């Protein structure tokens, strides 16, 4: 359980850093392209949660809150041993999936394959920056605790092998608990 709790804490920090980097990148891109601010996060939040607040007043909260909360998953990934660019790429898909699910469920968004290609590329670029920045910070925080259970497993014999059982919890950086 320690991997999950510690990873979630690392992920909150990492996700906040990632969304800050993404936001700076968005502001730079907007200066160059003239693209206006998006209020989709705020509109999504006001459709999904009962609130009397305007979309504009909750936009930044949803933008940063969503990035920080999703970062918890990337922190758990890193603390588990899922680190580096492959893990950040996997996480980018999660971020995109989360956005699209919330936006489409609320009726605020449309499926990305229906978007103008330039708009889609801009969104993919910014979400990739978020995933890479979040992953970089999560990986650095996780390195301080050691390789994590996944990397320890791989070090026993590289790859995925069913004949290699889980590492001992203490060796994995965790406390007791059930092993699977």
C-alpha atoms as a PDB file:
ATOM      1  CA  UNK A   1       0.000   0.000   0.000  1.00  0.00           C
ATOM      2  CA  UNK A   2       2.963   2.312   0.594  1.00  0.00           C
ATOM      3  CA  UNK A   3       3.730   2.420  -3.127  1.00  0.00           C
ATOM      4  CA  UNK A   4       0.214   3.717  -3.798  1.00  0.00           C
ATOM      5  CA  UNK A   5       0.101   6.310  -1.022  1.00  0.00           C
ATOM      6  CA  UNK A   6       3.614   7.632  -1.545  1.00  0.00           C
ATOM      7  CA  UNK A   7       3.152   7.524  -5.314  1.00  0.00           C
ATOM      8  CA  UNK A   8      -0.089   9.474  -5.086  1.00  0.00           C
ATOM      9  CA  UNK A   9       1.685  12.154  -3.061  1.00  0.00           C
ATOM     10  CA  UNK A  10       4.539  12.273  -5.550  1.00  0.00           C
ATOM     11  CA  UNK A  11       1.963  12.437  -8.309  1.00  0.00           C
ATOM     12  CA  UNK A  12       0.109  15.421  -6.875  1.00  0.00           C
ATOM     13  CA  UNK A  13       3.359  17.374  -6.907  1.00  0.00           C
ATOM     14  CA  UNK A  14       4.284  16.030 -10.345  1.00  0.00           C
ATOM     15  CA  UNK A  15       0.865  16.711 -11.840  1.00  0.00           C
ATOM     16  CA  UNK A  16       0.878  20.288 -10.524  1.00  0.00           C
ATOM     17  CA  UNK A  17       4.322  20.809 -12.046  1.00  0.00           C
ATOM     18  CA  UNK A  18       3.209  19.220 -15.321  1.00  0.00           C
ATOM     19  CA  UNK A  19       0.108  21.378 -15.627  1.00  0.00           C
ATOM     20  CA  UNK A  20       2.173  24.495 -14.846  1.00  0.00           C
ATOM     21  CA  UNK A  21       4.632  23.630 -17.630  1.00  0.00           C
ATOM     22  CA  UNK A  22       1.756  22.836 -20.005  1.00  0.00           C
ATOM     23  CA  UNK A  23       0.058  26.145 -19.175  1.00  0.00           C
ATOM     24  CA  UNK A  24       3.256  28.110 -19.829  1.00  0.00           C
ATOM     25  CA  UNK A  25       3.586  26.320 -23.154  1.00  0.00           C
ATOM     26  CA  UNK A  26      -0.028  27.106 -24.004  1.00  0.00           C
ATOM     27  CA  UNK A  27       0.455  30.791 -23.226  1.00  0.00           C
ATOM     28  CA  UNK A  28       3.585  30.911 -25.395  1.00  0.00           C
ATOM     29  CA  UNK A  29       1.789  29.122 -28.242  1.00  0.00           C
ATOM     30  CA  UNK A  30      -1.186  31.495 -27.928  1.00  0.00           C
ATOM     31  CA  UNK A  31       1.094  34.528 -28.227  1.00  0.00           C
ATOM     32  CA  UNK A  32       2.522  33.109 -31.428  1.00  0.00           C
ATOM     33  CA  UNK A  33      -0.687  31.809 -32.999  1.00  0.00           C
ATOM     34  CA  UNK A  34      -3.227  34.253 -31.589  1.00  0.00           C
ATOM     35  CA  UNK A  35      -5.399  31.368 -30.409  1.00  0.00           C
ATOM     36  CA  UNK A  36      -7.776  32.471 -27.609  1.00  0.00           C
ATOM     37  CA  UNK A  37      -7.971  30.848 -24.170  1.00  0.00           C
ATOM     38  CA  UNK A  38     -10.012  27.677 -23.950  1.00  0.00           C
ATOM     39  CA  UNK A  39     -12.900  27.644 -21.500  1.00  0.00           C
ATOM     40  CA  UNK A  40     -13.689  23.982 -22.097  1.00  0.00           C
ATOM     41  CA  UNK A  41     -12.416  22.890 -18.646  1.00  0.00           C
ATOM     42  CA  UNK A  42     -14.734  25.343 -16.885  1.00  0.00           C
ATOM     43  CA  UNK A  43     -17.727  24.505 -19.063  1.00  0.00           C
ATOM     44  CA  UNK A  44     -17.089  20.799 -18.458  1.00  0.00           C
ATOM     45  CA  UNK A  45     -16.911  21.276 -14.709  1.00  0.00           C
ATOM     46  CA  UNK A  46     -20.137  23.299 -14.546  1.00  0.00           C
ATOM     47  CA  UNK A  47     -21.957  20.643 -16.559  1.00  0.00           C
ATOM     48  CA  UNK A  48     -20.685  17.728 -14.460  1.00  0.00           C
ATOM     49  CA  UNK A  49     -20.974  19.221 -10.982  1.00  0.00           C
ATOM     50  CA  UNK A  50     -23.901  21.127  -9.543  1.00  0.00           C
ATOM     51  CA  UNK A  51     -22.624  24.687  -9.183  1.00  0.00           C
ATOM     52  CA  UNK A  52     -23.939  28.185  -9.644  1.00  0.00           C
ATOM     53  CA  UNK A  53     -20.482  29.453 -10.570  1.00  0.00           C
ATOM     54  CA  UNK A  54     -19.766  30.578 -14.101  1.00  0.00           C
ATOM     55  CA  UNK A  55     -17.521  28.448 -16.342  1.00  0.00           C
ATOM     56  CA  UNK A  56     -14.983  31.286 -16.473  1.00  0.00           C
ATOM     57  CA  UNK A  57     -14.714  31.387 -12.666  1.00  0.00           C
ATOM     58  CA  UNK A  58     -13.936  27.666 -12.344  1.00  0.00           C
ATOM     59  CA  UNK A  59     -11.885  27.240 -15.533  1.00  0.00           C
ATOM     60  CA  UNK A  60      -8.457  27.564 -13.924  1.00  0.00           C
ATOM     61  CA  UNK A  61      -9.495  25.398 -10.969  1.00  0.00           C
ATOM     62  CA  UNK A  62     -10.603  22.588 -13.298  1.00  0.00           C
ATOM     63  CA  UNK A  63      -7.520  22.999 -15.512  1.00  0.00           C
ATOM     64  CA  UNK A  64      -5.046  22.739 -12.611  1.00  0.00           C
ATOM     65  CA  UNK A  65      -7.124  20.391 -10.465  1.00  0.00           C
ATOM     66  CA  UNK A  66      -7.535  17.847 -13.222  1.00  0.00           C
ATOM     67  CA  UNK A  67      -3.811  17.944 -14.014  1.00  0.00           C
ATOM     68  CA  UNK A  68      -2.785  17.564 -10.375  1.00  0.00           C
ATOM     69  CA  UNK A  69      -5.251  14.749  -9.658  1.00  0.00           C
ATOM     70  CA  UNK A  70      -4.311  12.808 -12.789  1.00  0.00           C
ATOM     71  CA  UNK A  71      -0.682  13.246 -11.811  1.00  0.00           C
ATOM     72  CA  UNK A  72      -1.406  10.939  -8.875  1.00  0.00           C
ATOM     73  CA  UNK A  73      -1.578   8.040 -11.314  1.00  0.00           C
ATOM     74  CA  UNK A  74       1.775   8.977 -12.886  1.00  0.00           C
ATOM     75  CA  UNK A  75       3.303   9.153  -9.414  1.00  0.00           C
ATOM     76  CA  UNK A  76       2.059   5.647  -8.603  1.00  0.00           C
ATOM     77  CA  UNK A  77       3.394   4.472 -11.960  1.00  0.00           C
ATOM     78  CA  UNK A  78       6.850   5.902 -11.202  1.00  0.00           C
ATOM     79  CA  UNK A  79       6.955   4.572  -7.647  1.00  0.00           C
ATOM     80  CA  UNK A  80       5.943   1.145  -8.992  1.00  0.00           C
ATOM     81  CA  UNK A  81       8.877   1.150 -11.402  1.00  0.00           C
ATOM     82  CA  UNK A  82       7.113   2.419 -14.546  1.00  0.00           C
ATOM     83  CA  UNK A  83       9.446   5.257 -15.482  1.00  0.00           C
ATOM     84  CA  UNK A  84      10.874   7.022 -18.475  1.00  0.00           C
ATOM     85  CA  UNK A  85       9.505   8.042 -21.883  1.00  0.00           C
ATOM     86  CA  UNK A  86       7.455   4.859 -22.435  1.00  0.00           C
ATOM     87  CA  UNK A  87       5.616   5.443 -19.187  1.00  0.00           C
ATOM     88  CA  UNK A  88       5.061   9.098 -20.015  1.00  0.00           C
ATOM     89  CA  UNK A  89       3.653   8.078 -23.408  1.00  0.00           C
ATOM     90  CA  UNK A  90       1.254   5.663 -21.697  1.00  0.00           C
ATOM     91  CA  UNK A  91       0.271   8.458 -19.330  1.00  0.00           C
ATOM     92  CA  UNK A  92      -0.334  10.916 -22.196  1.00  0.00           C
ATOM     93  CA  UNK A  93      -3.005   8.540 -23.496  1.00  0.00           C
ATOM     94  CA  UNK A  94      -4.612   8.472 -20.041  1.00  0.00           C
ATOM     95  CA  UNK A  95      -4.665  12.278 -19.910  1.00  0.00           C
ATOM     96  CA  UNK A  96      -6.240  12.534 -23.350  1.00  0.00           C
ATOM     97  CA  UNK A  97      -8.756   9.810 -22.504  1.00  0.00           C
ATOM     98  CA  UNK A  98      -9.739  11.536 -19.272  1.00  0.00           C
ATOM     99  CA  UNK A  99     -10.264  14.890 -21.008  1.00  0.00           C
ATOM    100  CA  UNK A 100     -12.277  13.403 -23.836  1.00  0.00           C
ATOM    101  CA  UNK A 101     -14.439  11.254 -21.577  1.00  0.00           C
ATOM    102  CA  UNK A 102     -15.391  14.186 -19.352  1.00  0.00           C
ATOM    103  CA  UNK A 103     -15.868  16.621 -22.228  1.00  0.00           C
ATOM    104  CA  UNK A 104     -17.934  14.218 -24.331  1.00  0.00           C
ATOM    105  CA  UNK A 105     -19.988  12.914 -21.385  1.00  0.00           C
ATOM    106  CA  UNK A 106     -20.902  16.483 -20.470  1.00  0.00           C
ATOM    107  CA  UNK A 107     -21.721  17.419 -24.056  1.00  0.00           C
ATOM    108  CA  UNK A 108     -19.097  20.169 -24.049  1.00  0.00           C
ATOM    109  CA  UNK A 109     -16.747  18.386 -26.444  1.00  0.00           C
ATOM    110  CA  UNK A 110     -16.868  16.289 -29.559  1.00  0.00           C
ATOM    111  CA  UNK A 111     -14.728  13.257 -30.434  1.00  0.00           C
ATOM    112  CA  UNK A 112     -11.210  14.387 -31.415  1.00  0.00           C
ATOM    113  CA  UNK A 113     -11.374  12.761 -34.849  1.00  0.00           C
ATOM    114  CA  UNK A 114     -14.094  15.303 -35.704  1.00  0.00           C
ATOM    115  CA  UNK A 115     -11.908  18.318 -34.822  1.00  0.00           C
ATOM    116  CA  UNK A 116     -10.040  20.506 -37.288  1.00  0.00           C
ATOM    117  CA  UNK A 117      -6.573  18.950 -37.643  1.00  0.00           C
ATOM    118  CA  UNK A 118      -4.711  22.056 -36.424  1.00  0.00           C
ATOM    119  CA  UNK A 119      -6.812  22.135 -33.243  1.00  0.00           C
ATOM    120  CA  UNK A 120      -6.181  18.433 -32.676  1.00  0.00           C
ATOM    121  CA  UNK A 121      -2.414  18.826 -33.140  1.00  0.00           C
ATOM    122  CA  UNK A 122      -2.289  21.728 -30.698  1.00  0.00           C
ATOM    123  CA  UNK A 123      -4.183  19.714 -28.064  1.00  0.00           C
ATOM    124  CA  UNK A 124      -2.007  16.632 -28.582  1.00  0.00           C
ATOM    125  CA  UNK A 125       1.142  18.732 -28.298  1.00  0.00           C
ATOM    126  CA  UNK A 126       0.074  20.407 -25.057  1.00  0.00           C
ATOM    127  CA  UNK A 127      -1.098  17.163 -23.447  1.00  0.00           C
ATOM    128  CA  UNK A 128       2.182  15.510 -24.459  1.00  0.00           C
ATOM    129  CA  UNK A 129       4.122  18.335 -22.802  1.00  0.00           C
ATOM    130  CA  UNK A 130       2.014  17.813 -19.678  1.00  0.00           C
ATOM    131  CA  UNK A 131       2.676  14.059 -19.684  1.00  0.00           C
ATOM    132  CA  UNK A 132       6.423  14.457 -20.220  1.00  0.00           C
ATOM    133  CA  UNK A 133       6.810  17.155 -17.562  1.00  0.00           C
ATOM    134  CA  UNK A 134       4.667  15.245 -15.066  1.00  0.00           C
ATOM    135  CA  UNK A 135       6.619  12.084 -15.793  1.00  0.00           C
ATOM    136  CA  UNK A 136       9.971  13.794 -15.446  1.00  0.00           C
ATOM    137  CA  UNK A 137       9.117  15.098 -11.976  1.00  0.00           C
ATOM    138  CA  UNK A 138       7.447  11.837 -10.892  1.00  0.00           C
ATOM    139  CA  UNK A 139      10.454   9.822 -12.060  1.00  0.00           C
ATOM    140  CA  UNK A 140      12.894  12.086 -10.203  1.00  0.00           C
ATOM    141  CA  UNK A 141      10.877  11.795  -6.993  1.00  0.00           C
ATOM    142  CA  UNK A 142      10.594   8.023  -7.381  1.00  0.00           C
ATOM    143  CA  UNK A 143      14.335   7.609  -8.002  1.00  0.00           C
ATOM    144  CA  UNK A 144      14.916   8.727  -4.423  1.00  0.00           C
ATOM    145  CA  UNK A 145      13.152   5.597  -3.110  1.00  0.00           C
ATOM    146  CA  UNK A 146      14.862   3.091  -5.379  1.00  0.00           C
ATOM    147  CA  UNK A 147      13.747   1.033  -8.342  1.00  0.00           C
ATOM    148  CA  UNK A 148      10.236   0.096  -7.190  1.00  0.00           C
ATOM    149  CA  UNK A 149       8.698  -3.377  -7.387  1.00  0.00           C
ATOM    150  CA  UNK A 150       8.356  -3.487 -11.178  1.00  0.00           C
ATOM    151  CA  UNK A 151      11.987  -2.651 -11.887  1.00  0.00           C
ATOM    152  CA  UNK A 152      13.133  -5.015  -9.147  1.00  0.00           C
ATOM    153  CA  UNK A 153      11.139  -7.781 -10.817  1.00  0.00           C
ATOM    154  CA  UNK A 154      12.706  -6.960 -14.205  1.00  0.00           C
ATOM    155  CA  UNK A 155      16.186  -7.002 -12.724  1.00  0.00           C
ATOM    156  CA  UNK A 156      15.708 -10.615 -11.616  1.00  0.00           C
ATOM    157  CA  UNK A 157      15.286 -11.558 -15.285  1.00  0.00           C
ATOM    158  CA  UNK A 158      14.582  -8.932 -17.924  1.00  0.00           C
ATOM    159  CA  UNK A 159      11.050  -9.030 -19.296  1.00  0.00           C
ATOM    160  CA  UNK A 160       7.752 -10.401 -18.157  1.00  0.00           C
ATOM    161  CA  UNK A 161       7.936 -13.913 -16.749  1.00  0.00           C
ATOM    162  CA  UNK A 162       5.244 -15.760 -14.865  1.00  0.00           C
ATOM    163  CA  UNK A 163       7.780 -17.970 -13.097  1.00  0.00           C
ATOM    164  CA  UNK A 164       9.265 -14.983 -11.226  1.00  0.00           C
ATOM    165  CA  UNK A 165       7.148 -14.114  -8.220  1.00  0.00           C
ATOM    166  CA  UNK A 166       6.698 -10.717  -6.632  1.00  0.00           C
ATOM    167  CA  UNK A 167       9.602  -9.178  -4.772  1.00  0.00           C
ATOM    168  CA  UNK A 168       9.419  -9.072  -1.008  1.00  0.00           C
ATOM    169  CA  UNK A 169       7.492  -5.982   0.200  1.00  0.00           C
ATOM    170  CA  UNK A 170      10.421  -4.591   2.206  1.00  0.00           C
ATOM    171  CA  UNK A 171      12.705  -4.869  -0.821  1.00  0.00           C
ATOM    172  CA  UNK A 172      10.074  -3.113  -2.939  1.00  0.00           C
ATOM    173  CA  UNK A 173      10.002  -0.130  -0.624  1.00  0.00           C
ATOM    174  CA  UNK A 174       6.699  -1.076   0.951  1.00  0.00           C
ATOM    175  CA  UNK A 175       5.480  -2.364   4.250  1.00  0.00           C
ATOM    176  CA  UNK A 176       3.856  -5.707   4.772  1.00  0.00           C
ATOM    177  CA  UNK A 177       0.626  -6.653   3.152  1.00  0.00           C
ATOM    178  CA  UNK A 178      -0.584  -9.255   0.704  1.00  0.00           C
ATOM    179  CA  UNK A 179       1.499 -10.196  -2.256  1.00  0.00           C
ATOM    180  CA  UNK A 180       0.023 -11.139  -5.633  1.00  0.00           C
END
